[in-house]
C-alpha cells in the first residue's frame, strides 16, 4: 500500500476574497448568507471580506472550492486563492505596529 506523506507542499490554505453589493436589504442578506456559509464550512475571517481555511490535502481543498462556488450570490465579485502551507508560512501579519506571529496549522487530522 502506497502512503502519501503530508508535507508543506501538499497541505493547502484556501483564501476567499469577495466584494458583494450591500445597497439593498436583499443584497445585505445575501452577503451575510455567503459569509455565514464560509464560517459553517470551517473558514475563519482574516479581514472583513477575506476568509481563510486550512485544508489537509488538495482533494479536501477541491471539495471546499466547490462548496464556495455553490454559495456565491448572484451579484458581486468573489476570488478564490489556494496556496501551499509552505507559501502561507511566509505571511507577515501586523495589527497596528505590532508584528503578530503566524497562526499555527491545526493539529487535528481531517477525516472526510
C-alpha atoms as a PDB file:
ATOM      1  CA  UNK A   1       0.000   0.000   0.000  1.00  0.00           C
ATOM      2  CA  UNK A   2       1.379   3.401  -1.009  1.00  0.00           C
ATOM      3  CA  UNK A   3       1.418   6.033   1.722  1.00  0.00           C
ATOM      4  CA  UNK A   4       1.242   9.735   0.976  1.00  0.00           C
ATOM      5  CA  UNK A   5       3.478  11.828   3.178  1.00  0.00           C
ATOM      6  CA  UNK A   6       1.959  15.091   4.322  1.00  0.00           C
ATOM      7  CA  UNK A   7       4.271  17.986   3.728  1.00  0.00           C
ATOM      8  CA  UNK A   8       4.217  21.752   3.357  1.00  0.00           C
ATOM      9  CA  UNK A   9       3.638  21.459  -0.402  1.00  0.00           C
ATOM     10  CA  UNK A  10       0.629  19.133  -0.132  1.00  0.00           C
ATOM     11  CA  UNK A  11      -1.183  20.839   2.750  1.00  0.00           C
ATOM     12  CA  UNK A  12      -3.175  23.801   1.450  1.00  0.00           C
ATOM     13  CA  UNK A  13      -4.662  27.060   2.665  1.00  0.00           C
ATOM     14  CA  UNK A  14      -7.679  28.390   0.835  1.00  0.00           C
ATOM     15  CA  UNK A  15      -8.355  32.133   0.694  1.00  0.00           C
ATOM     16  CA  UNK A  16     -11.692  33.611  -0.363  1.00  0.00           C
ATOM     17  CA  UNK A  17     -11.762  37.338  -1.176  1.00  0.00           C
ATOM     18  CA  UNK A  18     -15.033  38.996  -2.032  1.00  0.00           C
ATOM     19  CA  UNK A  19     -16.763  42.279  -2.733  1.00  0.00           C
ATOM     20  CA  UNK A  20     -20.528  41.857  -2.610  1.00  0.00           C
ATOM     21  CA  UNK A  21     -23.175  44.528  -3.093  1.00  0.00           C
ATOM     22  CA  UNK A  22     -24.915  45.620   0.126  1.00  0.00           C
ATOM     23  CA  UNK A  23     -27.077  48.510  -1.054  1.00  0.00           C
ATOM     24  CA  UNK A  24     -30.464  46.866  -0.549  1.00  0.00           C
ATOM     25  CA  UNK A  25     -31.763  44.730   2.319  1.00  0.00           C
ATOM     26  CA  UNK A  26     -31.893  41.718  -0.020  1.00  0.00           C
ATOM     27  CA  UNK A  27     -28.217  42.218  -1.041  1.00  0.00           C
ATOM     28  CA  UNK A  28     -27.147  42.573   2.606  1.00  0.00           C
ATOM     29  CA  UNK A  29     -28.988  39.337   3.438  1.00  0.00           C
ATOM     30  CA  UNK A  30     -27.268  37.515   0.552  1.00  0.00           C
ATOM     31  CA  UNK A  31     -23.835  38.855   1.588  1.00  0.00           C
ATOM     32  CA  UNK A  32     -24.465  37.788   5.199  1.00  0.00           C
ATOM     33  CA  UNK A  33     -25.607  34.378   3.993  1.00  0.00           C
ATOM     34  CA  UNK A  34     -22.415  33.978   1.962  1.00  0.00           C
ATOM     35  CA  UNK A  35     -20.227  34.909   4.954  1.00  0.00           C
ATOM     36  CA  UNK A  36     -22.201  32.505   7.153  1.00  0.00           C
ATOM     37  CA  UNK A  37     -21.737  29.695   4.617  1.00  0.00           C
ATOM     38  CA  UNK A  38     -17.974  30.271   4.736  1.00  0.00           C
ATOM     39  CA  UNK A  39     -17.953  30.135   8.547  1.00  0.00           C
ATOM     40  CA  UNK A  40     -20.124  26.999   8.516  1.00  0.00           C
ATOM     41  CA  UNK A  41     -17.608  25.377   6.147  1.00  0.00           C
ATOM     42  CA  UNK A  42     -14.706  25.995   8.538  1.00  0.00           C
ATOM     43  CA  UNK A  43     -13.343  29.256   7.171  1.00  0.00           C
ATOM     44  CA  UNK A  44     -12.057  31.927   9.547  1.00  0.00           C
ATOM     45  CA  UNK A  45     -12.416  35.638   8.942  1.00  0.00           C
ATOM     46  CA  UNK A  46      -8.986  37.155   8.320  1.00  0.00           C
ATOM     47  CA  UNK A  47     -10.425  40.559   7.376  1.00  0.00           C
ATOM     48  CA  UNK A  48     -13.999  41.602   6.740  1.00  0.00           C
ATOM     49  CA  UNK A  49     -14.070  40.331   3.129  1.00  0.00           C
ATOM     50  CA  UNK A  50     -11.149  37.888   3.376  1.00  0.00           C
ATOM     51  CA  UNK A  51     -11.664  34.385   4.744  1.00  0.00           C
ATOM     52  CA  UNK A  52      -9.118  31.579   5.061  1.00  0.00           C
ATOM     53  CA  UNK A  53      -9.326  27.839   5.650  1.00  0.00           C
ATOM     54  CA  UNK A  54      -6.766  25.107   6.269  1.00  0.00           C
ATOM     55  CA  UNK A  55      -7.130  22.041   4.029  1.00  0.00           C
ATOM     56  CA  UNK A  56      -5.222  18.848   4.773  1.00  0.00           C
ATOM     57  CA  UNK A  57      -4.888  17.996   1.073  1.00  0.00           C
ATOM     58  CA  UNK A  58      -5.590  19.220  -2.431  1.00  0.00           C
ATOM     59  CA  UNK A  59      -8.552  16.853  -2.591  1.00  0.00           C
ATOM     60  CA  UNK A  60     -10.056  18.470   0.505  1.00  0.00           C
ATOM     61  CA  UNK A  61      -9.331  21.893  -0.987  1.00  0.00           C
ATOM     62  CA  UNK A  62     -11.268  20.998  -4.149  1.00  0.00           C
ATOM     63  CA  UNK A  63     -14.296  19.958  -2.066  1.00  0.00           C
ATOM     64  CA  UNK A  64     -14.268  23.325  -0.269  1.00  0.00           C
ATOM     65  CA  UNK A  65     -13.828  25.257  -3.518  1.00  0.00           C
ATOM     66  CA  UNK A  66     -16.981  23.581  -4.870  1.00  0.00           C
ATOM     67  CA  UNK A  67     -18.877  24.485  -1.681  1.00  0.00           C
ATOM     68  CA  UNK A  68     -17.807  28.126  -2.002  1.00  0.00           C
ATOM     69  CA  UNK A  69     -18.850  28.172  -5.672  1.00  0.00           C
ATOM     70  CA  UNK A  70     -22.333  26.896  -4.753  1.00  0.00           C
ATOM     71  CA  UNK A  71     -22.754  29.627  -2.132  1.00  0.00           C
ATOM     72  CA  UNK A  72     -21.693  32.581  -4.325  1.00  0.00           C
ATOM     73  CA  UNK A  73     -24.509  35.146  -4.567  1.00  0.00           C
ATOM     74  CA  UNK A  74     -25.952  36.217  -7.905  1.00  0.00           C
ATOM     75  CA  UNK A  75     -24.128  39.581  -7.870  1.00  0.00           C
ATOM     76  CA  UNK A  76     -20.677  40.557  -6.665  1.00  0.00           C
ATOM     77  CA  UNK A  77     -17.081  39.577  -7.116  1.00  0.00           C
ATOM     78  CA  UNK A  78     -15.506  36.511  -5.453  1.00  0.00           C
ATOM     79  CA  UNK A  79     -11.890  35.331  -5.777  1.00  0.00           C
ATOM     80  CA  UNK A  80     -10.540  32.004  -4.516  1.00  0.00           C
ATOM     81  CA  UNK A  81      -6.797  31.642  -3.981  1.00  0.00           C
ATOM     82  CA  UNK A  82      -5.232  28.311  -2.969  1.00  0.00           C
ATOM     83  CA  UNK A  83      -1.711  28.436  -1.527  1.00  0.00           C
ATOM     84  CA  UNK A  84       0.519  25.717  -0.133  1.00  0.00           C
ATOM     85  CA  UNK A  85       1.339  25.578   3.558  1.00  0.00           C
ATOM     86  CA  UNK A  86       4.920  26.441   2.577  1.00  0.00           C
ATOM     87  CA  UNK A  87       3.766  29.646   0.843  1.00  0.00           C
ATOM     88  CA  UNK A  88       1.404  30.537   3.693  1.00  0.00           C
ATOM     89  CA  UNK A  89       4.338  30.198   6.090  1.00  0.00           C
ATOM     90  CA  UNK A  90       5.823  33.361   4.561  1.00  0.00           C
ATOM     91  CA  UNK A  91       2.891  35.591   5.557  1.00  0.00           C
ATOM     92  CA  UNK A  92       3.661  38.606   7.746  1.00  0.00           C
ATOM     93  CA  UNK A  93       0.749  39.871   9.855  1.00  0.00           C
ATOM     94  CA  UNK A  94       0.594  43.285  11.515  1.00  0.00           C
ATOM     95  CA  UNK A  95      -2.087  44.637  13.823  1.00  0.00           C
ATOM     96  CA  UNK A  96      -1.105  48.262  14.129  1.00  0.00           C
ATOM     97  CA  UNK A  97       2.663  48.462  14.587  1.00  0.00           C
ATOM     98  CA  UNK A  98       2.842  45.126  16.405  1.00  0.00           C
ATOM     99  CA  UNK A  99       4.035  42.036  14.485  1.00  0.00           C
ATOM    100  CA  UNK A 100       1.792  39.073  15.335  1.00  0.00           C
ATOM    101  CA  UNK A 101       3.212  35.553  14.831  1.00  0.00           C
ATOM    102  CA  UNK A 102       1.602  33.307  12.217  1.00  0.00           C
ATOM    103  CA  UNK A 103      -1.256  31.165  13.492  1.00  0.00           C
ATOM    104  CA  UNK A 104      -0.207  27.506  13.527  1.00  0.00           C
ATOM    105  CA  UNK A 105      -1.962  24.959  11.329  1.00  0.00           C
ATOM    106  CA  UNK A 106      -4.496  22.810  13.182  1.00  0.00           C
ATOM    107  CA  UNK A 107      -3.041  19.632  14.699  1.00  0.00           C
ATOM    108  CA  UNK A 108      -6.302  17.787  14.079  1.00  0.00           C
ATOM    109  CA  UNK A 109      -6.374  15.458  11.103  1.00  0.00           C
ATOM    110  CA  UNK A 110      -9.429  15.888   8.883  1.00  0.00           C
ATOM    111  CA  UNK A 111     -11.179  12.645   8.019  1.00  0.00           C
ATOM    112  CA  UNK A 112     -13.797  13.096   5.287  1.00  0.00           C
END
